[in-house]
Amino acid sequence: MTQIEDCILPEDTIPLFPELRTGNLGVRLAACPQEIDAVQALRYRVFYEEMGAHPDAATARTERDRDAYDTVADHLLVVDHTLGEGPESVVGTYRLIQRDSAARIGGFYSAGEYDISRIEANPGRIMELGRSCVDGGYRSRAVMQLLWRGIAAYVFLHKIDLMFGCASLPGIDPDALEMELTYLYYNHLAPPGVRPRALPHRYIEMRRLDRDSVDARVALNKLPPLIKGYLRLGGFVGDGAVIDADFNTTDVAVVVQTDLVTDKYYKHYERDTR
C-alpha cells in the first residue's frame, strides 16, 4: 500500500494525470476520502465563515460544505507541500462533474438554477465546474493559473468539449451589481445554441442599465477574479442572474468551449508530462 499521510491507496493506483508543480505548490486530483474532507472543510471556511453563507444544522455542526454532488465529482486540489503531504496541504479546489457522473444522481447542480437543456443536447463530452475556492493566504494569480492548468489537463485527457457552471458575485442585491450584470449581458452573452437561461421562478434581469452607460473598465474591475478568468478563456454567460440567498451570492451561468481555452495551459501540461 502507498500512504499519503492519512490517505491509503492501493500500490497499483495510477493518478489521472501527474501532479503539476510550481515551486512548493502542486495541482492534482483528490486521492482519498480524507482529502475530500479537507476540500469540504476549506469550502466551509471560505463560503460560510468568510463570505457569509447560511449553514443548515448539519453544515454548522460538521463545519463542512458537502452535498450529494461531491460523491460523483472529481475534486481538483491545489496543495502546498510546505504544509505536509496529506489533507493538511489542501489550499485550493475545484469540483468537476462529467455527464455520466451527474446522471447517477439525477442531473447537474446547475440545473437547480438554470435551464441547461441546450448544453445537455451537445453531443460531445460536457463537464460542470463548481465549488471553486482558495484559502485566503493563497489568492494569487499563480494559484489560479495552477488551477486552470489542472483543469486543462483534465479536459485534455477526458476530451471534454464544453465546460459550464454557476459563478458567483458577492451579495444578493442585483441593483448593487447593476454595472457588472449589465456589462456581462451586453458583452459576453453565450451564443443561442449553448445559452443557459435562468429558471422562470428564479430569473433576475441582467440588463439593469442602458448599454451606453456601462463603463467596461469599471465593470471589469468590479468582477470577481474567477469570472474574469472565465472571460479571459473566451467564456460566455447565460441569460438571467439567480439569487442564492443561502450562499449570499448572485449567480450567473458560465459556458466555456474548450477549444477556446488558452493554448498556454495545454503547453504547460504537455511540457510537464513529457
Protein backbone atom coordinates (compact mmCIF):
# COMPACT_ATOMS: atom_id res chain seq x y z
CA MET A 1 0.00 0.00 0.00
CA THR A 2 1.01 3.62 -0.62
CA GLN A 3 0.33 6.10 2.17
CA ILE A 4 -0.08 9.87 1.84
CA GLU A 5 -0.45 10.86 5.50
CA ASP A 6 -3.95 9.54 6.31
CA CYS A 7 -4.61 8.61 2.66
CA ILE A 8 -4.00 4.95 1.97
CA LEU A 9 -4.03 3.96 -1.70
CA PRO A 10 -3.51 0.64 -3.45
CA GLU A 11 0.05 0.21 -4.75
CA ASP A 12 -1.23 -0.02 -8.33
CA THR A 13 -3.14 3.26 -8.12
CA ILE A 14 -2.47 5.31 -11.24
CA PRO A 15 -3.26 9.02 -10.99
CA LEU A 16 -5.45 10.52 -13.70
CA PHE A 17 -2.60 12.87 -14.51
CA PRO A 18 0.69 13.53 -12.73
CA GLU A 19 0.83 16.38 -10.27
CA LEU A 20 1.76 19.64 -11.94
CA ARG A 21 4.18 21.71 -9.87
CA THR A 22 5.11 25.36 -9.46
CA GLY A 23 7.65 25.66 -6.67
CA ASN A 24 6.11 24.37 -3.45
CA LEU A 25 2.62 24.29 -4.97
CA GLY A 26 1.08 21.48 -6.95
CA VAL A 27 -2.25 20.67 -8.58
CA ARG A 28 -3.77 17.18 -8.82
CA LEU A 29 -6.95 15.28 -8.09
CA ALA A 30 -8.01 14.28 -4.58
CA ALA A 31 -6.72 10.78 -3.92
CA CYS A 32 -8.81 9.63 -0.94
CA PRO A 33 -11.78 10.49 1.31
CA GLN A 34 -9.57 12.36 3.76
CA GLU A 35 -8.56 14.82 1.06
CA ILE A 36 -12.18 15.31 0.01
CA ASP A 37 -12.97 16.04 3.67
CA ALA A 38 -10.19 18.67 3.60
CA VAL A 39 -11.80 20.18 0.50
CA GLN A 40 -15.15 20.38 2.28
CA ALA A 41 -13.54 21.99 5.32
CA LEU A 42 -11.84 24.57 3.10
CA ARG A 43 -15.13 25.32 1.35
CA TYR A 44 -16.83 25.79 4.72
CA ARG A 45 -14.20 28.27 5.87
CA VAL A 46 -14.43 30.30 2.66
CA PHE A 47 -18.15 30.14 1.89
CA TYR A 48 -19.62 30.22 5.39
CA GLU A 49 -17.10 31.83 7.72
CA GLU A 50 -15.71 34.34 5.24
CA MET A 51 -18.43 35.02 2.66
CA GLY A 52 -21.45 34.79 4.98
CA ALA A 53 -23.30 31.79 3.60
CA HIS A 54 -26.04 30.46 5.89
CA PRO A 55 -25.40 26.90 7.08
CA ASP A 56 -28.09 24.39 7.85
CA ALA A 57 -27.81 22.44 11.11
CA ALA A 58 -25.70 19.62 9.67
CA THR A 59 -23.32 22.01 7.93
CA ALA A 60 -22.85 24.10 11.07
CA ARG A 61 -22.31 21.01 13.22
CA THR A 62 -19.72 19.41 10.96
CA GLU A 63 -18.14 22.63 9.66
CA ARG A 64 -18.11 21.02 6.24
CA ASP A 65 -19.66 22.21 2.97
CA ARG A 66 -20.83 18.95 1.40
CA ASP A 67 -23.65 17.73 -0.78
CA ALA A 68 -24.62 14.75 -2.91
CA TYR A 69 -22.70 16.05 -5.91
CA ASP A 70 -19.43 15.56 -4.04
CA THR A 71 -19.98 11.80 -4.19
CA VAL A 72 -19.82 11.70 -8.01
CA ALA A 73 -17.34 14.51 -8.65
CA ASP A 74 -13.62 14.63 -9.22
CA HIS A 75 -12.05 17.15 -6.83
CA LEU A 76 -9.14 19.17 -8.17
CA LEU A 77 -6.71 20.26 -5.46
CA VAL A 78 -4.00 22.85 -5.09
CA VAL A 79 -1.62 21.62 -2.42
CA ASP A 80 1.22 23.39 -0.62
CA HIS A 81 3.94 20.86 0.10
CA THR A 82 5.43 23.01 2.83
CA LEU A 83 2.31 22.21 4.88
CA GLY A 84 2.73 18.43 4.54
CA GLU A 85 1.92 15.67 2.09
CA GLY A 86 -1.66 14.86 3.06
CA PRO A 87 -5.02 16.54 3.64
CA GLU A 88 -3.45 19.38 5.63
CA SER A 89 -1.76 20.60 2.44
CA VAL A 90 -5.01 21.46 0.58
CA VAL A 91 -5.26 25.21 -0.12
CA GLY A 92 -7.47 25.39 -3.22
CA THR A 93 -10.10 23.35 -5.01
CA TYR A 94 -12.46 22.99 -7.98
CA ARG A 95 -15.26 20.45 -8.34
CA LEU A 96 -15.50 18.71 -11.73
CA ILE A 97 -18.57 16.68 -12.76
CA GLN A 98 -18.95 14.91 -16.07
CA ARG A 99 -22.25 13.98 -17.76
CA ASP A 100 -22.20 10.29 -16.81
CA SER A 101 -21.41 11.12 -13.19
CA ALA A 102 -24.22 13.68 -12.95
CA ALA A 103 -26.67 11.15 -14.37
CA ARG A 104 -26.00 8.87 -11.40
CA ILE A 105 -27.63 11.37 -9.05
CA GLY A 106 -30.26 12.77 -11.39
CA GLY A 107 -28.53 15.70 -13.07
CA PHE A 108 -26.16 18.62 -12.71
CA TYR A 109 -26.07 21.11 -9.83
CA SER A 110 -26.58 24.00 -12.28
CA ALA A 111 -29.97 22.61 -13.30
CA GLY A 112 -31.36 23.86 -9.97
CA GLU A 113 -30.80 27.44 -11.16
CA TYR A 114 -30.71 27.31 -14.97
CA ASP A 115 -32.29 25.59 -17.92
CA ILE A 116 -29.21 23.86 -19.31
CA SER A 117 -31.04 21.71 -21.86
CA ARG A 118 -29.16 23.30 -24.77
CA ILE A 119 -25.86 22.38 -23.16
CA GLU A 120 -27.04 18.87 -22.38
CA ALA A 121 -28.12 18.47 -26.01
CA ASN A 122 -24.49 18.90 -27.04
CA PRO A 123 -23.39 15.51 -28.41
CA GLY A 124 -19.83 15.90 -27.12
CA ARG A 125 -18.41 15.45 -23.65
CA ILE A 126 -19.52 18.11 -21.20
CA MET A 127 -18.32 18.97 -17.71
CA GLU A 128 -19.69 21.13 -14.92
CA LEU A 129 -17.27 23.31 -12.95
CA GLY A 130 -18.22 24.44 -9.47
CA ARG A 131 -17.44 25.00 -5.79
CA SER A 132 -14.18 26.76 -6.56
CA CYS A 133 -12.36 28.41 -3.68
CA VAL A 134 -8.85 29.20 -2.48
CA ASP A 135 -7.60 29.73 1.06
CA GLY A 136 -7.25 33.41 1.93
CA GLY A 137 -3.47 33.23 2.17
CA TYR A 138 -3.10 31.80 -1.34
CA ARG A 139 -5.22 34.04 -3.55
CA SER A 140 -2.71 34.90 -6.19
CA ARG A 141 -2.57 34.81 -9.96
CA ALA A 142 -0.13 31.91 -9.72
CA VAL A 143 -2.61 29.74 -7.80
CA MET A 144 -5.45 30.49 -10.23
CA GLN A 145 -3.19 29.68 -13.16
CA LEU A 146 -2.26 26.42 -11.48
CA LEU A 147 -5.94 25.51 -11.07
CA TRP A 148 -6.53 26.23 -14.74
CA ARG A 149 -3.54 24.11 -15.71
CA GLY A 150 -5.14 21.27 -13.77
CA ILE A 151 -8.47 21.82 -15.50
CA ALA A 152 -6.74 21.89 -18.88
CA ALA A 153 -5.02 18.58 -18.12
CA TYR A 154 -8.36 17.05 -17.13
CA VAL A 155 -10.03 18.42 -20.26
CA PHE A 156 -7.20 17.09 -22.41
CA LEU A 157 -7.35 13.57 -21.00
CA HIS A 158 -11.15 13.27 -20.98
CA LYS A 159 -11.62 15.04 -24.31
CA ILE A 160 -14.11 17.50 -22.82
CA ASP A 161 -15.79 19.68 -25.46
CA LEU A 162 -17.77 22.10 -23.29
CA MET A 163 -17.48 23.30 -19.71
CA PHE A 164 -20.15 25.17 -17.77
CA GLY A 165 -21.24 26.05 -14.27
CA CYS A 166 -22.51 28.76 -11.95
CA ALA A 167 -20.17 31.58 -10.93
CA SER A 168 -20.95 33.95 -8.10
CA LEU A 169 -20.87 37.67 -7.44
CA PRO A 170 -20.98 38.69 -3.77
CA GLY A 171 -24.28 39.79 -2.23
CA ILE A 172 -27.94 39.31 -3.08
CA ASP A 173 -28.90 42.82 -4.22
CA PRO A 174 -28.84 42.84 -8.04
CA ASP A 175 -29.12 46.63 -8.10
CA ALA A 176 -25.80 46.84 -6.28
CA LEU A 177 -24.36 44.70 -9.09
CA GLU A 178 -26.03 46.59 -11.94
CA MET A 179 -22.81 47.61 -13.67
CA GLU A 180 -21.32 44.10 -13.65
CA LEU A 181 -24.51 42.30 -14.68
CA THR A 182 -25.32 44.71 -17.49
CA TYR A 183 -21.76 44.55 -18.78
CA LEU A 184 -21.79 40.74 -18.82
CA TYR A 185 -25.09 40.59 -20.69
CA TYR A 186 -24.16 43.01 -23.45
CA ASN A 187 -20.56 41.89 -23.93
CA HIS A 188 -20.37 38.19 -23.11
CA LEU A 189 -23.78 36.61 -23.72
CA ALA A 190 -23.45 32.99 -24.86
CA PRO A 191 -24.42 32.01 -28.41
CA PRO A 192 -28.05 30.81 -28.60
CA GLY A 193 -27.06 27.19 -29.20
CA VAL A 194 -25.34 26.84 -25.82
CA ARG A 195 -27.04 29.60 -23.83
CA PRO A 196 -28.40 28.66 -20.40
CA ARG A 197 -31.38 30.64 -19.15
CA ALA A 198 -32.30 31.18 -15.51
CA LEU A 199 -35.34 29.15 -14.48
CA PRO A 200 -38.51 31.29 -14.69
CA HIS A 201 -39.14 31.38 -10.95
CA ARG A 202 -35.51 32.41 -10.28
CA TYR A 203 -34.86 34.71 -13.24
CA ILE A 204 -33.31 38.11 -12.43
CA GLU A 205 -32.91 40.56 -15.32
CA MET A 206 -29.25 41.34 -16.03
CA ARG A 207 -29.92 44.39 -18.20
CA ARG A 208 -30.20 46.87 -15.35
CA LEU A 209 -28.63 49.90 -17.05
CA ASP A 210 -28.64 51.39 -20.53
CA ARG A 211 -25.90 49.79 -22.57
CA ASP A 212 -24.23 53.13 -23.30
CA SER A 213 -23.96 53.97 -19.61
CA VAL A 214 -21.79 50.96 -18.80
CA ASP A 215 -18.10 51.69 -18.27
CA ALA A 216 -16.40 48.44 -19.32
CA ARG A 217 -13.21 49.20 -17.38
CA VAL A 218 -15.13 49.85 -14.17
CA ALA A 219 -17.30 46.78 -14.66
CA LEU A 220 -14.33 44.50 -15.24
CA ASN A 221 -12.56 45.84 -12.17
CA LYS A 222 -15.63 45.01 -10.09
CA LEU A 223 -15.99 41.44 -11.33
CA PRO A 224 -14.69 38.65 -9.09
CA PRO A 225 -11.36 37.16 -10.27
CA LEU A 226 -12.99 33.82 -11.06
CA ILE A 227 -15.46 35.35 -13.52
CA LYS A 228 -12.71 37.44 -15.11
CA GLY A 229 -10.75 34.22 -15.50
CA TYR A 230 -13.61 32.61 -17.42
CA LEU A 231 -13.84 35.64 -19.69
CA ARG A 232 -10.09 35.52 -20.42
CA LEU A 233 -10.62 31.94 -21.59
CA GLY A 234 -13.26 33.07 -24.06
CA GLY A 235 -16.14 32.20 -21.77
CA PHE A 236 -19.74 33.36 -22.07
CA VAL A 237 -22.60 33.94 -19.64
CA GLY A 238 -26.19 32.78 -19.74
CA ASP A 239 -29.37 34.84 -19.77
CA GLY A 240 -30.52 35.90 -16.33
CA ALA A 241 -28.93 36.03 -12.90
CA VAL A 242 -30.07 33.96 -9.91
CA ILE A 243 -30.14 34.95 -6.25
CA ASP A 244 -28.70 32.29 -3.95
CA ALA A 245 -29.73 33.54 -0.53
CA ASP A 246 -28.21 30.54 1.26
CA PHE A 247 -24.77 31.36 -0.09
CA ASN A 248 -25.26 35.16 0.00
CA THR A 249 -24.44 35.44 -3.71
CA THR A 250 -25.86 36.42 -7.07
CA ASP A 251 -25.06 33.74 -9.62
CA VAL A 252 -24.50 33.82 -13.36
CA ALA A 253 -24.19 30.81 -15.64
CA VAL A 254 -20.85 30.47 -17.41
CA VAL A 255 -20.07 28.46 -20.56
CA VAL A 256 -16.58 27.79 -21.93
CA GLN A 257 -15.91 25.95 -25.17
CA THR A 258 -12.70 24.07 -24.55
CA ASP A 259 -11.25 24.80 -27.97
CA LEU A 260 -11.04 28.40 -26.76
CA VAL A 261 -9.09 27.54 -23.61
CA THR A 262 -5.84 29.50 -23.78
CA ASP A 263 -3.15 27.50 -25.55
CA LYS A 264 -0.63 28.16 -22.80
CA TYR A 265 -2.43 25.82 -20.39
CA TYR A 266 -2.15 22.91 -22.81
CA LYS A 267 1.50 23.76 -23.48
CA HIS A 268 2.18 23.71 -19.75
CA TYR A 269 0.50 20.33 -19.44
CA GLU A 270 2.30 18.78 -22.38
CA ARG A 271 5.67 20.11 -21.17
CA ASP A 272 5.18 18.89 -17.61
CA THR A 273 4.13 15.37 -18.60
CA ARG A 274 6.91 14.57 -21.06
